[in-house]
Amino acid sequence: LLSRPRPSRAVPAFRLSASTFESPAALVAKYPDAAPGALAAIRRGEGSAFVPGVHAGFLRFAVAPGAVDAVVFNHPHLGVEDAQRHRQLLAHFFHGARSVLRGDRGEAGGR
């Protein structure tokens, strides 16, 4: 999630909020070579935040309406091979992403 604050020398060009469904401890256990460094980098960043416990399908309940300019979605996996459930997750995610984007300037994307 990216939001652009009003321009100011004291405020960074954007604020980054990295969210995940899993706790920091679960991420470190799952990705011991990458997670500790990534979490530390996010926490060091001025204007950035790490927000655990955010379900991609319920984004609209975790973020205020119109609060962000861009949403980047790194397609999570549900842990099962079920195309219908993945389709439902994506539908809920895109609906939620649309609701948290700021006006006409917002964009949603993935990779």
N, C-alpha and C. Protein backbone atom coordinates (compact mmCIF):
# COMPACT_ATOMS: atom_id res chain seq x y z
N LEU A 1 0.85 -1.16 0.00
CA LEU A 1 0.00 0.00 0.00
C LEU A 1 0.90 1.23 0.00
N LEU A 2 0.66 2.14 -0.90
CA LEU A 2 1.43 3.36 -0.96
C LEU A 2 0.50 4.55 -0.83
N SER A 3 0.90 5.50 -0.04
CA SER A 3 0.16 6.76 0.03
C SER A 3 1.16 7.89 -0.09
N ARG A 4 0.77 8.92 -0.81
CA ARG A 4 1.64 10.07 -1.02
C ARG A 4 1.18 11.21 -0.13
N PRO A 5 1.99 11.56 0.87
CA PRO A 5 1.61 12.69 1.71
C PRO A 5 1.84 14.00 0.96
N ARG A 6 1.41 15.07 1.52
CA ARG A 6 1.64 16.38 0.91
C ARG A 6 3.14 16.64 0.86
N PRO A 7 3.61 17.25 -0.23
CA PRO A 7 5.05 17.50 -0.36
C PRO A 7 5.61 18.34 0.79
N SER A 8 6.73 17.92 1.30
CA SER A 8 7.42 18.62 2.37
C SER A 8 8.80 18.02 2.50
N ARG A 9 9.75 18.81 2.88
CA ARG A 9 11.11 18.30 3.08
C ARG A 9 11.17 17.34 4.26
N ALA A 10 10.31 17.55 5.24
CA ALA A 10 10.33 16.73 6.44
C ALA A 10 9.59 15.41 6.27
N VAL A 11 8.84 15.28 5.17
CA VAL A 11 8.03 14.09 4.95
C VAL A 11 8.56 13.35 3.74
N PRO A 12 8.71 12.02 3.81
CA PRO A 12 9.18 11.28 2.65
C PRO A 12 8.22 11.39 1.47
N ALA A 13 8.71 11.06 0.27
CA ALA A 13 7.90 11.16 -0.95
C ALA A 13 6.70 10.23 -0.92
N PHE A 14 6.79 9.14 -0.21
CA PHE A 14 5.66 8.23 -0.06
C PHE A 14 5.80 7.47 1.25
N ARG A 15 4.73 6.87 1.65
CA ARG A 15 4.73 6.01 2.84
C ARG A 15 4.39 4.60 2.39
N LEU A 16 5.17 3.66 2.82
CA LEU A 16 4.98 2.27 2.45
C LEU A 16 4.44 1.50 3.64
N SER A 17 3.37 0.76 3.42
CA SER A 17 2.86 -0.16 4.42
C SER A 17 2.91 -1.55 3.83
N ALA A 18 3.75 -2.39 4.39
CA ALA A 18 3.86 -3.78 3.93
C ALA A 18 2.99 -4.63 4.84
N SER A 19 2.04 -5.33 4.26
CA SER A 19 1.14 -6.13 5.07
C SER A 19 1.25 -7.60 4.69
N THR A 20 0.89 -8.43 5.64
CA THR A 20 0.89 -9.87 5.44
C THR A 20 -0.11 -10.50 6.39
N PHE A 21 -0.60 -11.64 6.02
CA PHE A 21 -1.53 -12.36 6.90
C PHE A 21 -0.77 -12.97 8.08
N GLU A 22 0.48 -13.37 7.83
CA GLU A 22 1.25 -14.07 8.85
C GLU A 22 1.93 -13.11 9.82
N SER A 23 2.25 -13.63 11.00
CA SER A 23 2.96 -12.85 12.02
C SER A 23 4.43 -12.75 11.63
N PRO A 24 5.16 -11.79 12.20
CA PRO A 24 6.60 -11.72 11.94
C PRO A 24 7.32 -13.03 12.29
N ALA A 25 6.95 -13.66 13.39
CA ALA A 25 7.58 -14.92 13.79
C ALA A 25 7.33 -16.02 12.76
N ALA A 26 6.12 -16.08 12.23
CA ALA A 26 5.81 -17.08 11.21
C ALA A 26 6.59 -16.82 9.93
N LEU A 27 6.76 -15.55 9.56
CA LEU A 27 7.54 -15.22 8.36
C LEU A 27 9.00 -15.63 8.53
N VAL A 28 9.58 -15.36 9.68
CA VAL A 28 10.97 -15.73 9.93
C VAL A 28 11.13 -17.24 9.92
N ALA A 29 10.16 -17.97 10.48
CA ALA A 29 10.23 -19.43 10.48
C ALA A 29 10.11 -19.99 9.06
N LYS A 30 9.27 -19.37 8.25
CA LYS A 30 9.05 -19.85 6.89
C LYS A 30 10.17 -19.44 5.93
N TYR A 31 10.71 -18.23 6.12
CA TYR A 31 11.74 -17.68 5.22
C TYR A 31 12.93 -17.20 6.05
N PRO A 32 13.67 -18.13 6.69
CA PRO A 32 14.73 -17.72 7.61
C PRO A 32 15.87 -16.94 6.96
N ASP A 33 16.11 -17.13 5.67
CA ASP A 33 17.20 -16.43 5.01
C ASP A 33 16.82 -15.03 4.55
N ALA A 34 15.54 -14.76 4.36
CA ALA A 34 15.12 -13.48 3.79
C ALA A 34 14.31 -12.61 4.74
N ALA A 35 13.43 -13.19 5.51
CA ALA A 35 12.48 -12.40 6.31
C ALA A 35 13.13 -11.48 7.33
N PRO A 36 14.13 -11.92 8.10
CA PRO A 36 14.69 -11.00 9.10
C PRO A 36 15.22 -9.71 8.49
N GLY A 37 15.95 -9.82 7.39
CA GLY A 37 16.50 -8.63 6.74
C GLY A 37 15.42 -7.76 6.14
N ALA A 38 14.42 -8.37 5.51
CA ALA A 38 13.34 -7.61 4.90
C ALA A 38 12.53 -6.86 5.96
N LEU A 39 12.21 -7.53 7.06
CA LEU A 39 11.46 -6.88 8.13
C LEU A 39 12.26 -5.74 8.74
N ALA A 40 13.55 -5.94 8.94
CA ALA A 40 14.39 -4.88 9.50
C ALA A 40 14.46 -3.68 8.56
N ALA A 41 14.56 -3.92 7.26
CA ALA A 41 14.62 -2.82 6.29
C ALA A 41 13.32 -2.01 6.30
N ILE A 42 12.19 -2.69 6.38
CA ILE A 42 10.91 -1.98 6.42
C ILE A 42 10.82 -1.14 7.70
N ARG A 43 11.23 -1.70 8.80
CA ARG A 43 11.13 -0.98 10.07
C ARG A 43 12.09 0.21 10.13
N ARG A 44 13.22 0.14 9.43
CA ARG A 44 14.18 1.25 9.39
C ARG A 44 13.71 2.39 8.50
N GLY A 45 12.88 2.07 7.53
CA GLY A 45 12.47 3.07 6.55
C GLY A 45 11.61 4.16 7.15
N GLU A 46 11.97 5.39 6.87
CA GLU A 46 11.19 6.54 7.35
C GLU A 46 9.85 6.54 6.63
N GLY A 47 8.79 6.62 7.38
CA GLY A 47 7.46 6.64 6.77
C GLY A 47 6.95 5.28 6.35
N SER A 48 7.58 4.20 6.81
CA SER A 48 7.12 2.87 6.42
C SER A 48 6.61 2.12 7.64
N ALA A 49 5.81 1.10 7.38
CA ALA A 49 5.24 0.31 8.47
C ALA A 49 5.04 -1.13 8.01
N PHE A 50 5.15 -2.05 8.94
CA PHE A 50 4.85 -3.45 8.71
C PHE A 50 3.56 -3.76 9.45
N VAL A 51 2.57 -4.30 8.74
CA VAL A 51 1.25 -4.53 9.33
C VAL A 51 0.90 -6.01 9.18
N PRO A 52 1.13 -6.82 10.21
CA PRO A 52 0.78 -8.25 10.13
C PRO A 52 -0.71 -8.46 10.37
N GLY A 53 -1.19 -9.63 9.99
CA GLY A 53 -2.57 -10.00 10.26
C GLY A 53 -3.60 -9.44 9.29
N VAL A 54 -3.15 -9.00 8.11
CA VAL A 54 -4.08 -8.45 7.13
C VAL A 54 -4.41 -9.53 6.11
N HIS A 55 -5.66 -9.93 6.06
CA HIS A 55 -6.13 -10.92 5.09
C HIS A 55 -6.42 -10.19 3.79
N ALA A 56 -5.81 -10.61 2.69
CA ALA A 56 -5.97 -9.93 1.41
C ALA A 56 -7.43 -9.85 0.97
N GLY A 57 -8.23 -10.81 1.37
CA GLY A 57 -9.63 -10.81 0.99
C GLY A 57 -10.48 -9.83 1.79
N PHE A 58 -9.92 -9.31 2.87
CA PHE A 58 -10.66 -8.39 3.73
C PHE A 58 -9.91 -7.06 3.90
N LEU A 59 -9.21 -6.65 2.86
CA LEU A 59 -8.41 -5.42 2.89
C LEU A 59 -9.26 -4.22 3.28
N ARG A 60 -10.49 -4.18 2.81
CA ARG A 60 -11.35 -3.02 3.08
C ARG A 60 -11.64 -2.85 4.57
N PHE A 61 -11.44 -3.89 5.38
CA PHE A 61 -11.66 -3.77 6.82
C PHE A 61 -10.38 -3.39 7.56
N ALA A 62 -9.23 -3.47 6.88
CA ALA A 62 -7.94 -3.19 7.52
C ALA A 62 -7.39 -1.81 7.18
N VAL A 63 -7.92 -1.19 6.12
CA VAL A 63 -7.40 0.09 5.64
C VAL A 63 -8.57 1.05 5.46
N ALA A 64 -8.36 2.28 5.85
CA ALA A 64 -9.42 3.29 5.73
C ALA A 64 -9.75 3.56 4.27
N PRO A 65 -11.02 3.80 3.95
CA PRO A 65 -11.41 4.11 2.57
C PRO A 65 -10.66 5.34 2.05
N GLY A 66 -10.14 5.24 0.83
CA GLY A 66 -9.45 6.35 0.20
C GLY A 66 -8.11 6.70 0.81
N ALA A 67 -7.50 5.79 1.57
CA ALA A 67 -6.27 6.10 2.30
C ALA A 67 -5.00 5.92 1.48
N VAL A 68 -5.06 5.21 0.35
CA VAL A 68 -3.82 4.92 -0.38
C VAL A 68 -3.92 5.29 -1.86
N ASP A 69 -2.77 5.51 -2.47
CA ASP A 69 -2.68 5.85 -3.88
C ASP A 69 -2.42 4.63 -4.75
N ALA A 70 -1.80 3.61 -4.20
CA ALA A 70 -1.48 2.42 -4.99
C ALA A 70 -1.49 1.18 -4.09
N VAL A 71 -1.92 0.08 -4.66
CA VAL A 71 -1.91 -1.20 -3.97
C VAL A 71 -1.15 -2.18 -4.87
N VAL A 72 -0.12 -2.80 -4.32
CA VAL A 72 0.64 -3.81 -5.05
C VAL A 72 0.37 -5.14 -4.37
N PHE A 73 -0.03 -6.09 -5.15
CA PHE A 73 -0.46 -7.39 -4.63
C PHE A 73 0.46 -8.47 -5.17
N ASN A 74 1.22 -9.10 -4.32
CA ASN A 74 2.13 -10.18 -4.72
C ASN A 74 1.44 -11.52 -4.48
N HIS A 75 0.41 -11.77 -5.27
CA HIS A 75 -0.49 -12.92 -5.24
C HIS A 75 -0.09 -14.04 -4.27
N PRO A 76 -0.72 -14.06 -3.11
CA PRO A 76 -0.43 -15.13 -2.16
C PRO A 76 -1.09 -16.43 -2.58
N HIS A 77 -0.63 -17.48 -2.00
CA HIS A 77 -1.20 -18.79 -2.27
C HIS A 77 -1.96 -19.23 -1.03
N LEU A 78 -3.09 -19.85 -1.22
CA LEU A 78 -3.91 -20.28 -0.10
C LEU A 78 -3.38 -21.54 0.59
N GLY A 79 -2.39 -22.17 -0.01
CA GLY A 79 -1.86 -23.39 0.57
C GLY A 79 -2.53 -24.64 0.04
N VAL A 80 -3.47 -24.46 -0.87
CA VAL A 80 -4.16 -25.60 -1.50
C VAL A 80 -4.29 -25.31 -2.99
N GLU A 81 -4.41 -26.35 -3.76
CA GLU A 81 -4.65 -26.22 -5.20
C GLU A 81 -6.16 -26.20 -5.43
N ASP A 82 -6.72 -25.01 -5.45
CA ASP A 82 -8.16 -24.86 -5.60
C ASP A 82 -8.44 -23.58 -6.36
N ALA A 83 -8.62 -23.69 -7.67
CA ALA A 83 -8.79 -22.52 -8.53
C ALA A 83 -9.99 -21.68 -8.11
N GLN A 84 -11.08 -22.31 -7.69
CA GLN A 84 -12.27 -21.56 -7.29
C GLN A 84 -12.01 -20.70 -6.06
N ARG A 85 -11.31 -21.26 -5.08
CA ARG A 85 -11.00 -20.48 -3.87
C ARG A 85 -10.03 -19.35 -4.18
N HIS A 86 -9.06 -19.58 -5.06
CA HIS A 86 -8.14 -18.51 -5.46
C HIS A 86 -8.90 -17.42 -6.20
N ARG A 87 -9.81 -17.80 -7.04
CA ARG A 87 -10.62 -16.83 -7.78
C ARG A 87 -11.43 -15.96 -6.80
N GLN A 88 -11.99 -16.58 -5.78
CA GLN A 88 -12.75 -15.84 -4.77
C GLN A 88 -11.84 -14.88 -4.00
N LEU A 89 -10.64 -15.34 -3.64
CA LEU A 89 -9.70 -14.47 -2.94
C LEU A 89 -9.37 -13.25 -3.79
N LEU A 90 -9.08 -13.47 -5.07
CA LEU A 90 -8.76 -12.35 -5.96
C LEU A 90 -9.93 -11.39 -6.11
N ALA A 91 -11.13 -11.93 -6.25
CA ALA A 91 -12.31 -11.06 -6.39
C ALA A 91 -12.49 -10.19 -5.15
N HIS A 92 -12.34 -10.78 -3.97
CA HIS A 92 -12.48 -10.02 -2.74
C HIS A 92 -11.34 -9.01 -2.59
N PHE A 93 -10.12 -9.42 -2.97
CA PHE A 93 -8.99 -8.50 -2.89
C PHE A 93 -9.22 -7.28 -3.77
N PHE A 94 -9.57 -7.51 -5.05
CA PHE A 94 -9.73 -6.37 -5.95
C PHE A 94 -10.88 -5.47 -5.53
N HIS A 95 -11.95 -6.04 -5.00
CA HIS A 95 -13.05 -5.23 -4.48
C HIS A 95 -12.55 -4.38 -3.31
N GLY A 96 -11.81 -4.99 -2.40
CA GLY A 96 -11.28 -4.26 -1.26
C GLY A 96 -10.26 -3.22 -1.65
N ALA A 97 -9.39 -3.56 -2.61
CA ALA A 97 -8.37 -2.60 -3.07
C ALA A 97 -9.03 -1.37 -3.66
N ARG A 98 -10.07 -1.59 -4.43
CA ARG A 98 -10.77 -0.45 -5.04
C ARG A 98 -11.34 0.47 -3.96
N SER A 99 -11.81 -0.09 -2.87
CA SER A 99 -12.43 0.73 -1.82
C SER A 99 -11.41 1.53 -1.02
N VAL A 100 -10.16 1.10 -0.96
CA VAL A 100 -9.16 1.83 -0.16
C VAL A 100 -8.35 2.81 -1.00
N LEU A 101 -8.49 2.76 -2.33
CA LEU A 101 -7.74 3.67 -3.19
C LEU A 101 -8.33 5.07 -3.13
N ARG A 102 -7.45 6.05 -3.24
CA ARG A 102 -7.83 7.45 -3.15
C ARG A 102 -8.34 7.96 -4.50
N GLY A 103 -9.62 8.23 -4.60
CA GLY A 103 -10.22 8.87 -5.78
C GLY A 103 -9.80 8.28 -7.11
N ASP A 104 -9.67 9.15 -8.11
CA ASP A 104 -9.31 8.73 -9.45
C ASP A 104 -7.82 8.48 -9.63
N ARG A 105 -7.02 8.89 -8.64
CA ARG A 105 -5.57 8.77 -8.78
C ARG A 105 -5.03 7.39 -8.43
N GLY A 106 -5.82 6.58 -7.76
CA GLY A 106 -5.34 5.30 -7.29
C GLY A 106 -5.18 4.27 -8.37
N GLU A 107 -4.31 3.32 -8.11
CA GLU A 107 -4.12 2.22 -9.04
C GLU A 107 -3.86 0.94 -8.27
N ALA A 108 -4.33 -0.16 -8.81
CA ALA A 108 -4.08 -1.47 -8.21
C ALA A 108 -3.31 -2.29 -9.22
N GLY A 109 -2.34 -3.02 -8.74
CA GLY A 109 -1.54 -3.84 -9.64
C GLY A 109 -0.99 -5.04 -8.90
N GLY A 110 -0.39 -5.91 -9.61
CA GLY A 110 0.21 -7.09 -9.03
C GLY A 110 1.38 -7.54 -9.85
N ARG A 111 2.03 -8.56 -9.36
CA ARG A 111 3.13 -9.12 -10.14
C ARG A 111 3.20 -10.59 -9.92
